[in-house]
PDB file of N, CA and C in Angstrom:
ATOM      1  N   MET A   1     -51.453 -23.525  -4.371  1.00  0.00           N
ATOM      2  CA  MET A   1     -52.147 -24.776  -4.174  1.00  0.00           C
ATOM      3  C   MET A   1     -51.153 -25.941  -4.195  1.00  0.00           C
ATOM      4  N   SER A   2     -50.232 -25.914  -5.146  1.00  0.00           N
ATOM      5  CA  SER A   2     -49.268 -27.011  -5.226  1.00  0.00           C
ATOM      6  C   SER A   2     -48.337 -27.011  -4.016  1.00  0.00           C
ATOM      7  N   LEU A   3     -48.066 -25.833  -3.445  1.00  0.00           N
ATOM      8  CA  LEU A   3     -47.249 -25.764  -2.240  1.00  0.00           C
ATOM      9  C   LEU A   3     -47.971 -26.414  -1.066  1.00  0.00           C
ATOM     10  N   ALA A   4     -49.260 -26.190  -0.958  1.00  0.00           N
ATOM     11  CA  ALA A   4     -50.042 -26.795   0.123  1.00  0.00           C
ATOM     12  C   ALA A   4     -50.119 -28.308  -0.027  1.00  0.00           C
ATOM     13  N   ILE A   5     -50.186 -28.787  -1.241  1.00  0.00           N
ATOM     14  CA  ILE A   5     -50.227 -30.233  -1.473  1.00  0.00           C
ATOM     15  C   ILE A   5     -48.846 -30.841  -1.238  1.00  0.00           C
ATOM     16  N   GLY A   6     -47.814 -30.177  -1.711  1.00  0.00           N
ATOM     17  CA  GLY A   6     -46.452 -30.700  -1.575  1.00  0.00           C
ATOM     18  C   GLY A   6     -45.948 -30.684  -0.148  1.00  0.00           C
ATOM     19  N   ILE A   7     -46.313 -29.660   0.610  1.00  0.00           N
ATOM     20  CA  ILE A   7     -45.877 -29.544   2.005  1.00  0.00           C
ATOM     21  C   ILE A   7     -47.127 -29.334   2.859  1.00  0.00           C
ATOM     22  N   PRO A   8     -47.752 -30.410   3.314  1.00  0.00           N
ATOM     23  CA  PRO A   8     -49.005 -30.266   4.052  1.00  0.00           C
ATOM     24  C   PRO A   8     -48.830 -29.618   5.431  1.00  0.00           C
ATOM     25  N   ASN A   9     -47.685 -29.783   6.060  1.00  0.00           N
ATOM     26  CA  ASN A   9     -47.446 -29.210   7.390  1.00  0.00           C
ATOM     27  C   ASN A   9     -46.419 -28.088   7.299  1.00  0.00           C
ATOM     28  N   LEU A  10     -46.762 -27.058   6.574  1.00  0.00           N
ATOM     29  CA  LEU A  10     -45.831 -25.950   6.348  1.00  0.00           C
ATOM     30  C   LEU A  10     -45.486 -25.222   7.647  1.00  0.00           C
ATOM     31  N   GLU A  11     -46.420 -25.166   8.587  1.00  0.00           N
ATOM     32  CA  GLU A  11     -46.177 -24.453   9.845  1.00  0.00           C
ATOM     33  C   GLU A  11     -45.068 -25.099  10.670  1.00  0.00           C
ATOM     34  N   GLU A  12     -44.758 -26.347  10.387  1.00  0.00           N
ATOM     35  CA  GLU A  12     -43.671 -27.002  11.110  1.00  0.00           C
ATOM     36  C   GLU A  12     -42.314 -26.758  10.451  1.00  0.00           C
ATOM     37  N   ILE A  13     -42.310 -26.375   9.187  1.00  0.00           N
ATOM     38  CA  ILE A  13     -41.058 -26.160   8.461  1.00  0.00           C
ATOM     39  C   ILE A  13     -40.640 -24.688   8.489  1.00  0.00           C
ATOM     40  N   ILE A  14     -41.581 -23.797   8.711  1.00  0.00           N
ATOM     41  CA  ILE A  14     -41.280 -22.362   8.714  1.00  0.00           C
ATOM     42  C   ILE A  14     -40.211 -21.987   9.746  1.00  0.00           C
ATOM     43  N   PRO A  15     -40.183 -22.573  10.964  1.00  0.00           N
ATOM     44  CA  PRO A  15     -39.096 -22.219  11.899  1.00  0.00           C
ATOM     45  C   PRO A  15     -37.695 -22.534  11.376  1.00  0.00           C
ATOM     46  N   LEU A  16     -37.558 -23.563  10.545  1.00  0.00           N
ATOM     47  CA  LEU A  16     -36.239 -23.849   9.953  1.00  0.00           C
ATOM     48  C   LEU A  16     -35.766 -22.680   9.097  1.00  0.00           C
ATOM     49  N   ILE A  17     -36.670 -22.167   8.307  1.00  0.00           N
ATOM     50  CA  ILE A  17     -36.336 -21.031   7.444  1.00  0.00           C
ATOM     51  C   ILE A  17     -36.124 -19.778   8.285  1.00  0.00           C
ATOM     52  N   GLY A  18     -36.961 -19.607   9.310  1.00  0.00           N
ATOM     53  CA  GLY A  18     -36.849 -18.433  10.166  1.00  0.00           C
ATOM     54  C   GLY A  18     -35.544 -18.368  10.929  1.00  0.00           C
ATOM     55  N   VAL A  19     -35.116 -19.498  11.441  1.00  0.00           N
ATOM     56  CA  VAL A  19     -33.857 -19.527  12.202  1.00  0.00           C
ATOM     57  C   VAL A  19     -32.685 -19.171  11.297  1.00  0.00           C
ATOM     58  N   THR A  20     -32.587 -19.827  10.160  1.00  0.00           N
ATOM     59  CA  THR A  20     -31.433 -19.579   9.297  1.00  0.00           C
ATOM     60  C   THR A  20     -31.471 -18.179   8.687  1.00  0.00           C
ATOM     61  N   ALA A  21     -32.608 -17.787   8.162  1.00  0.00           N
ATOM     62  CA  ALA A  21     -32.688 -16.466   7.531  1.00  0.00           C
ATOM     63  C   ALA A  21     -32.524 -15.354   8.559  1.00  0.00           C
ATOM     64  N   GLY A  22     -33.120 -15.523   9.732  1.00  0.00           N
ATOM     65  CA  GLY A  22     -33.012 -14.497  10.768  1.00  0.00           C
ATOM     66  C   GLY A  22     -31.590 -14.297  11.247  1.00  0.00           C
ATOM     67  N   ILE A  23     -30.902 -15.391  11.512  1.00  0.00           N
ATOM     68  CA  ILE A  23     -29.510 -15.293  11.969  1.00  0.00           C
ATOM     69  C   ILE A  23     -28.624 -14.705  10.883  1.00  0.00           C
ATOM     70  N   PHE A  24     -28.814 -15.155   9.650  1.00  0.00           N
ATOM     71  CA  PHE A  24     -27.977 -14.646   8.564  1.00  0.00           C
ATOM     72  C   PHE A  24     -28.214 -13.159   8.343  1.00  0.00           C
ATOM     73  N   MET A  25     -29.480 -12.724   8.352  1.00  0.00           N
ATOM     74  CA  MET A  25     -29.765 -11.313   8.099  1.00  0.00           C
ATOM     75  C   MET A  25     -29.404 -10.422   9.279  1.00  0.00           C
ATOM     76  N   ALA A  26     -29.437 -10.949  10.497  1.00  0.00           N
ATOM     77  CA  ALA A  26     -29.158 -10.121  11.666  1.00  0.00           C
ATOM     78  C   ALA A  26     -27.675 -10.036  12.010  1.00  0.00           C
ATOM     79  N   PHE A  27     -26.919 -11.111  11.761  1.00  0.00           N
ATOM     80  CA  PHE A  27     -25.534 -11.137  12.216  1.00  0.00           C
ATOM     81  C   PHE A  27     -24.510 -11.340  11.102  1.00  0.00           C
ATOM     82  N   ILE A  28     -24.738 -12.298  10.241  1.00  0.00           N
ATOM     83  CA  ILE A  28     -23.695 -12.687   9.292  1.00  0.00           C
ATOM     84  C   ILE A  28     -23.586 -11.698   8.135  1.00  0.00           C
ATOM     85  N   TYR A  29     -24.701 -11.371   7.491  1.00  0.00           N
ATOM     86  CA  TYR A  29     -24.629 -10.444   6.356  1.00  0.00           C
ATOM     87  C   TYR A  29     -24.092  -9.066   6.750  1.00  0.00           C
ATOM     88  N   PRO A  30     -24.544  -8.444   7.856  1.00  0.00           N
ATOM     89  CA  PRO A  30     -23.958  -7.144   8.218  1.00  0.00           C
ATOM     90  C   PRO A  30     -22.456  -7.206   8.483  1.00  0.00           C
ATOM     91  N   SER A  31     -22.000  -8.290   9.106  1.00  0.00           N
ATOM     92  CA  SER A  31     -20.561  -8.417   9.369  1.00  0.00           C
ATOM     93  C   SER A  31     -19.772  -8.547   8.075  1.00  0.00           C
ATOM     94  N   LEU A  32     -20.287  -9.351   7.152  1.00  0.00           N
ATOM     95  CA  LEU A  32     -19.602  -9.506   5.865  1.00  0.00           C
ATOM     96  C   LEU A  32     -19.608  -8.209   5.066  1.00  0.00           C
ATOM     97  N   ILE A  33     -20.736  -7.522   5.054  1.00  0.00           N
ATOM     98  CA  ILE A  33     -20.832  -6.266   4.304  1.00  0.00           C
ATOM     99  C   ILE A  33     -19.918  -5.208   4.915  1.00  0.00           C
ATOM    100  N   ASP A  34     -19.872  -5.140   6.247  1.00  0.00           N
ATOM    101  CA  ASP A  34     -18.982  -4.190   6.915  1.00  0.00           C
ATOM    102  C   ASP A  34     -17.526  -4.462   6.562  1.00  0.00           C
ATOM    103  N   THR A  35     -17.141  -5.724   6.585  1.00  0.00           N
ATOM    104  CA  THR A  35     -15.759  -6.079   6.256  1.00  0.00           C
ATOM    105  C   THR A  35     -15.440  -5.757   4.807  1.00  0.00           C
ATOM    106  N   MET A  36     -16.319  -6.119   3.895  1.00  0.00           N
ATOM    107  CA  MET A  36     -16.055  -5.878   2.472  1.00  0.00           C
ATOM    108  C   MET A  36     -16.084  -4.394   2.124  1.00  0.00           C
ATOM    109  N   THR A  37     -16.817  -3.597   2.892  1.00  0.00           N
ATOM    110  CA  THR A  37     -16.917  -2.172   2.588  1.00  0.00           C
ATOM    111  C   THR A  37     -15.744  -1.378   3.146  1.00  0.00           C
ATOM    112  N   PHE A  38     -15.424  -1.579   4.412  1.00  0.00           N
ATOM    113  CA  PHE A  38     -14.468  -0.700   5.076  1.00  0.00           C
ATOM    114  C   PHE A  38     -13.046  -1.234   5.156  1.00  0.00           C
ATOM    115  N   LEU A  39     -12.855  -2.528   5.056  1.00  0.00           N
ATOM    116  CA  LEU A  39     -11.501  -3.071   5.155  1.00  0.00           C
ATOM    117  C   LEU A  39     -10.596  -2.625   4.003  1.00  0.00           C
ATOM    118  N   PRO A  40     -11.056  -2.631   2.748  1.00  0.00           N
ATOM    119  CA  PRO A  40     -10.172  -2.138   1.677  1.00  0.00           C
ATOM    120  C   PRO A  40      -9.770  -0.671   1.859  1.00  0.00           C
ATOM    121  N   ILE A  41     -10.680   0.134   2.380  1.00  0.00           N
ATOM    122  CA  ILE A  41     -10.372   1.552   2.612  1.00  0.00           C
ATOM    123  C   ILE A  41      -9.292   1.684   3.686  1.00  0.00           C
ATOM    124  N   LEU A  42      -9.444   0.922   4.766  1.00  0.00           N
ATOM    125  CA  LEU A  42      -8.438   0.974   5.834  1.00  0.00           C
ATOM    126  C   LEU A  42      -7.091   0.442   5.361  1.00  0.00           C
ATOM    127  N   LEU A  43      -7.109  -0.599   4.545  1.00  0.00           N
ATOM    128  CA  LEU A  43      -5.845  -1.130   4.024  1.00  0.00           C
ATOM    129  C   LEU A  43      -5.152  -0.121   3.113  1.00  0.00           C
ATOM    130  N   MET A  44      -5.920   0.613   2.298  1.00  0.00           N
ATOM    131  CA  MET A  44      -5.317   1.642   1.440  1.00  0.00           C
ATOM    132  C   MET A  44      -4.730   2.766   2.293  1.00  0.00           C
ATOM    133  N   LYS A  45      -5.431   3.147   3.366  1.00  0.00           N
ATOM    134  CA  LYS A  45      -4.901   4.176   4.259  1.00  0.00           C
ATOM    135  C   LYS A  45      -3.614   3.705   4.930  1.00  0.00           C
ATOM    136  N   TYR A  46      -3.579   2.428   5.315  1.00  0.00           N
ATOM    137  CA  TYR A  46      -2.405   1.879   5.993  1.00  0.00           C
ATOM    138  C   TYR A  46      -1.190   1.848   5.071  1.00  0.00           C
ATOM    139  N   GLN A  47      -1.410   1.595   3.788  1.00  0.00           N
ATOM    140  CA  GLN A  47      -0.304   1.494   2.832  1.00  0.00           C
ATOM    141  C   GLN A  47       0.147   2.848   2.299  1.00  0.00           C
ATOM    142  N   LYS A  48      -0.559   3.908   2.677  1.00  0.00           N
ATOM    143  CA  LYS A  48      -0.209   5.238   2.190  1.00  0.00           C
ATOM    144  C   LYS A  48       1.181   5.634   2.687  1.00  0.00           C
ATOM    145  N   ILE A  49       1.962   6.201   1.794  1.00  0.00           N
ATOM    146  CA  ILE A  49       3.332   6.610   2.112  1.00  0.00           C
ATOM    147  C   ILE A  49       3.293   7.955   2.840  1.00  0.00           C
ATOM    148  N   GLY A  50       4.152   8.103   3.817  1.00  0.00           N
ATOM    149  CA  GLY A  50       4.283   9.381   4.507  1.00  0.00           C
ATOM    150  C   GLY A  50       3.472   9.487   5.784  1.00  0.00           C
ATOM    151  N   LEU A  51       2.898   8.405   6.253  1.00  0.00           N
ATOM    152  CA  LEU A  51       2.143   8.457   7.501  1.00  0.00           C
ATOM    153  C   LEU A  51       3.091   8.332   8.687  1.00  0.00           C
ATOM    154  N   SER A  52       2.742   9.007   9.767  1.00  0.00           N
ATOM    155  CA  SER A  52       3.546   8.875  10.980  1.00  0.00           C
ATOM    156  C   SER A  52       3.330   7.483  11.576  1.00  0.00           C
ATOM    157  N   SER A  53       4.255   7.074  12.419  1.00  0.00           N
ATOM    158  CA  SER A  53       4.147   5.734  13.013  1.00  0.00           C
ATOM    159  C   SER A  53       2.922   5.643  13.925  1.00  0.00           C
ATOM    160  N   TYR A  54       2.560   6.755  14.589  1.00  0.00           N
ATOM    161  CA  TYR A  54       1.363   6.756  15.434  1.00  0.00           C
ATOM    162  C   TYR A  54       0.111   6.533  14.603  1.00  0.00           C
ATOM    163  N   ARG A  55       0.010   7.253  13.488  1.00  0.00           N
ATOM    164  CA  ARG A  55      -1.170   7.126  12.615  1.00  0.00           C
ATOM    165  C   ARG A  55      -1.234   5.728  12.002  1.00  0.00           C
ATOM    166  N   ARG A  56      -0.101   5.202  11.598  1.00  0.00           N
ATOM    167  CA  ARG A  56      -0.047   3.862  11.003  1.00  0.00           C
ATOM    168  C   ARG A  56      -0.475   2.807  12.042  1.00  0.00           C
ATOM    169  N   ARG A  57      -0.014   2.951  13.281  1.00  0.00           N
ATOM    170  CA  ARG A  57      -0.377   2.019  14.349  1.00  0.00           C
ATOM    171  C   ARG A  57      -1.869   2.113  14.662  1.00  0.00           C
ATOM    172  N   LYS A  58      -2.404   3.321  14.650  1.00  0.00           N
ATOM    173  CA  LYS A  58      -3.827   3.526  14.913  1.00  0.00           C
ATOM    174  C   LYS A  58      -4.684   2.861  13.836  1.00  0.00           C
ATOM    175  N   ILE A  59      -4.286   2.981  12.587  1.00  0.00           N
ATOM    176  CA  ILE A  59      -5.017   2.341  11.491  1.00  0.00           C
ATOM    177  C   ILE A  59      -4.902   0.822  11.592  1.00  0.00           C
ATOM    178  N   LEU A  60      -3.722   0.326  11.939  1.00  0.00           N
ATOM    179  CA  LEU A  60      -3.536  -1.122  12.088  1.00  0.00           C
ATOM    180  C   LEU A  60      -4.421  -1.679  13.206  1.00  0.00           C
ATOM    181  N   LEU A  61      -4.511  -0.974  14.319  1.00  0.00           N
ATOM    182  CA  LEU A  61      -5.393  -1.407  15.405  1.00  0.00           C
ATOM    183  C   LEU A  61      -6.855  -1.379  14.975  1.00  0.00           C
ATOM    184  N   SER A  62      -7.223  -0.409  14.171  1.00  0.00           N
ATOM    185  CA  SER A  62      -8.586  -0.343  13.650  1.00  0.00           C
ATOM    186  C   SER A  62      -8.885  -1.526  12.735  1.00  0.00           C
ATOM    187  N   ILE A  63      -7.916  -1.907  11.911  1.00  0.00           N
ATOM    188  CA  ILE A  63      -8.081  -3.070  11.024  1.00  0.00           C
ATOM    189  C   ILE A  63      -8.235  -4.344  11.850  1.00  0.00           C
ATOM    190  N   ILE A  64      -7.369  -4.522  12.838  1.00  0.00           N
ATOM    191  CA  ILE A  64      -7.426  -5.726  13.678  1.00  0.00           C
ATOM    192  C   ILE A  64      -8.739  -5.780  14.449  1.00  0.00           C
ATOM    193  N   TYR A  65      -9.169  -4.642  14.994  1.00  0.00           N
ATOM    194  CA  TYR A  65     -10.430  -4.590  15.735  1.00  0.00           C
ATOM    195  C   TYR A  65     -11.606  -4.962  14.844  1.00  0.00           C
ATOM    196  N   ARG A  66     -11.646  -4.419  13.636  1.00  0.00           N
ATOM    197  CA  ARG A  66     -12.756  -4.692  12.720  1.00  0.00           C
ATOM    198  C   ARG A  66     -12.806  -6.168  12.340  1.00  0.00           C
ATOM    199  N   ILE A  67     -11.655  -6.762  12.052  1.00  0.00           N
ATOM    200  CA  ILE A  67     -11.621  -8.177  11.672  1.00  0.00           C
ATOM    201  C   ILE A  67     -12.035  -9.055  12.853  1.00  0.00           C
ATOM    202  N   CYS A  68     -11.524  -8.767  14.039  1.00  0.00           N
ATOM    203  CA  CYS A  68     -11.874  -9.573  15.222  1.00  0.00           C
ATOM    204  C   CYS A  68     -13.353  -9.438  15.576  1.00  0.00           C
ATOM    205  N   ARG A  69     -13.876  -8.225  15.527  1.00  0.00           N
ATOM    206  CA  ARG A  69     -15.289  -8.013  15.853  1.00  0.00           C
ATOM    207  C   ARG A  69     -16.191  -8.752  14.886  1.00  0.00           C
ATOM    208  N   ASN A  70     -15.939  -8.597  13.600  1.00  0.00           N
ATOM    209  CA  ASN A  70     -16.798  -9.239  12.614  1.00  0.00           C
ATOM    210  C   ASN A  70     -16.647 -10.754  12.631  1.00  0.00           C
ATOM    211  N   SER A  71     -15.442 -11.236  12.837  1.00  0.00           N
ATOM    212  CA  SER A  71     -15.236 -12.689  12.914  1.00  0.00           C
ATOM    213  C   SER A  71     -15.943 -13.278  14.124  1.00  0.00           C
ATOM    214  N   SER A  72     -15.853 -12.605  15.261  1.00  0.00           N
ATOM    215  CA  SER A  72     -16.515 -13.132  16.458  1.00  0.00           C
ATOM    216  C   SER A  72     -18.033 -13.100  16.309  1.00  0.00           C
ATOM    217  N   LEU A  73     -18.573 -12.075  15.675  1.00  0.00           N
ATOM    218  CA  LEU A  73     -20.017 -12.043  15.422  1.00  0.00           C
ATOM    219  C   LEU A  73     -20.451 -13.191  14.520  1.00  0.00           C
ATOM    220  N   ILE A  74     -19.664 -13.484  13.512  1.00  0.00           N
ATOM    221  CA  ILE A  74     -20.001 -14.583  12.604  1.00  0.00           C
ATOM    222  C   ILE A  74     -19.933 -15.919  13.334  1.00  0.00           C
ATOM    223  N   VAL A  75     -18.923 -16.119  14.168  1.00  0.00           N
ATOM    224  CA  VAL A  75     -18.805 -17.384  14.913  1.00  0.00           C
ATOM    225  C   VAL A  75     -19.975 -17.545  15.885  1.00  0.00           C
ATOM    226  N   ILE A  76     -20.315 -16.490  16.609  1.00  0.00           N
ATOM    227  CA  ILE A  76     -21.450 -16.551  17.536  1.00  0.00           C
ATOM    228  C   ILE A  76     -22.740 -16.831  16.776  1.00  0.00           C
ATOM    229  N   ALA A  77     -22.907 -16.191  15.627  1.00  0.00           N
ATOM    230  CA  ALA A  77     -24.113 -16.408  14.827  1.00  0.00           C
ATOM    231  C   ALA A  77     -24.199 -17.838  14.317  1.00  0.00           C
ATOM    232  N   LEU A  78     -23.085 -18.414  13.924  1.00  0.00           N
ATOM    233  CA  LEU A  78     -23.106 -19.799  13.450  1.00  0.00           C
ATOM    234  C   LEU A  78     -23.462 -20.761  14.584  1.00  0.00           C
ATOM    235  N   PHE A  79     -22.953 -20.512  15.793  1.00  0.00           N
ATOM    236  CA  PHE A  79     -23.342 -21.343  16.937  1.00  0.00           C
ATOM    237  C   PHE A  79     -24.835 -21.186  17.237  1.00  0.00           C
ATOM    238  N   ALA A  80     -25.336 -19.958  17.188  1.00  0.00           N
ATOM    239  CA  ALA A  80     -26.760 -19.726  17.436  1.00  0.00           C
ATOM    240  C   ALA A  80     -27.619 -20.386  16.366  1.00  0.00           C
ATOM    241  N   CYS A  81     -27.182 -20.301  15.129  1.00  0.00           N
ATOM    242  CA  CYS A  81     -27.915 -20.934  14.033  1.00  0.00           C
ATOM    243  C   CYS A  81     -27.914 -22.451  14.204  1.00  0.00           C
ATOM    244  N   GLY A  82     -26.776 -23.009  14.579  1.00  0.00           N
ATOM    245  CA  GLY A  82     -26.702 -24.453  14.817  1.00  0.00           C
ATOM    246  C   GLY A  82     -27.619 -24.885  15.950  1.00  0.00           C
ATOM    247  N   GLY A  83     -27.628 -24.131  17.037  1.00  0.00           N
ATOM    248  CA  GLY A  83     -28.512 -24.452  18.158  1.00  0.00           C
ATOM    249  C   GLY A  83     -29.982 -24.333  17.795  1.00  0.00           C
ATOM    250  N   GLY A  84     -30.316 -23.288  17.048  1.00  0.00           N
ATOM    251  CA  GLY A  84     -31.702 -23.114  16.613  1.00  0.00           C
ATOM    252  C   GLY A  84     -32.154 -24.208  15.665  1.00  0.00           C
ATOM    253  N   LEU A  85     -31.291 -24.561  14.736  1.00  0.00           N
ATOM    254  CA  LEU A  85     -31.631 -25.647  13.810  1.00  0.00           C
ATOM    255  C   LEU A  85     -31.760 -26.973  14.549  1.00  0.00           C
ATOM    256  N   TYR A  86     -30.874 -27.223  15.500  1.00  0.00           N
ATOM    257  CA  TYR A  86     -30.920 -28.467  16.266  1.00  0.00           C
ATOM    258  C   TYR A  86     -32.237 -28.581  17.033  1.00  0.00           C
ATOM    259  N   SER A  87     -32.628 -27.509  17.724  1.00  0.00           N
ATOM    260  CA  SER A  87     -33.871 -27.566  18.499  1.00  0.00           C
ATOM    261  C   SER A  87     -35.092 -27.671  17.591  1.00  0.00           C
ATOM    262  N   THR A  88     -35.067 -27.020  16.447  1.00  0.00           N
ATOM    263  CA  THR A  88     -36.189 -27.108  15.519  1.00  0.00           C
ATOM    264  C   THR A  88     -36.308 -28.500  14.923  1.00  0.00           C
ATOM    265  N   VAL A  89     -35.193 -29.105  14.568  1.00  0.00           N
ATOM    266  CA  VAL A  89     -35.224 -30.463  14.016  1.00  0.00           C
ATOM    267  C   VAL A  89     -35.693 -31.452  15.083  1.00  0.00           C
ATOM    268  N   LEU A  90     -35.239 -31.282  16.333  1.00  0.00           N
ATOM    269  CA  LEU A  90     -35.721 -32.150  17.411  1.00  0.00           C
ATOM    270  C   LEU A  90     -37.225 -32.012  17.601  1.00  0.00           C
ATOM    271  N   GLU A  91     -37.713 -30.790  17.519  1.00  0.00           N
ATOM    272  CA  GLU A  91     -39.153 -30.557  17.641  1.00  0.00           C
ATOM    273  C   GLU A  91     -39.916 -31.228  16.503  1.00  0.00           C
ATOM    274  N   LEU A  92     -39.375 -31.166  15.297  1.00  0.00           N
ATOM    275  CA  LEU A  92     -40.007 -31.842  14.161  1.00  0.00           C
ATOM    276  C   LEU A  92     -40.011 -33.356  14.352  1.00  0.00           C
ATOM    277  N   ILE A  93     -38.902 -33.898  14.828  1.00  0.00           N
ATOM    278  CA  ILE A  93     -38.809 -35.349  15.027  1.00  0.00           C
ATOM    279  C   ILE A  93     -39.783 -35.808  16.108  1.00  0.00           C
ATOM    280  N   HIS A  94     -39.848 -35.061  17.218  1.00  0.00           N
ATOM    281  CA  HIS A  94     -40.762 -35.448  18.295  1.00  0.00           C
ATOM    282  C   HIS A  94     -42.220 -35.249  17.887  1.00  0.00           C
ATOM    283  N   GLY A  95     -42.472 -34.338  16.982  1.00  0.00           N
ATOM    284  CA  GLY A  95     -43.834 -34.130  16.500  1.00  0.00           C
ATOM    285  C   GLY A  95     -44.340 -35.274  15.641  1.00  0.00           C
ATOM    286  N   TYR A  96     -43.439 -35.944  14.949  1.00  0.00           N
ATOM    287  CA  TYR A  96     -43.833 -37.040  14.066  1.00  0.00           C
ATOM    288  C   TYR A  96     -43.742 -38.404  14.735  1.00  0.00           C
ATOM    289  N   SER A  97     -43.182 -38.479  15.939  1.00  0.00           N
ATOM    290  CA  SER A  97     -43.075 -39.803  16.569  1.00  0.00           C
ATOM    291  C   SER A  97     -44.126 -40.003  17.640  1.00  0.00           C
TER     292      SER A  97
END
């Protein structure tokens, strides 16, 4: 009841939450979790003594690929989140004017 009194037009604010939460859960959190889970393992494999130069190069390329992929997903997600927030805020402003 207090939520309905405090925010009378909740249906106009829900897209703000949807845009940010949706983008974060779909793109940013999986990329961060993937990096935090698998990057330390790959770094330990890379630092292992006695690996051939081919194996070491293959692991290094895997590390670079993982960092670039996850970083690009995060950057794209931040642009999408910014665009979604911008359009939602414009819609809110035009709704009240």
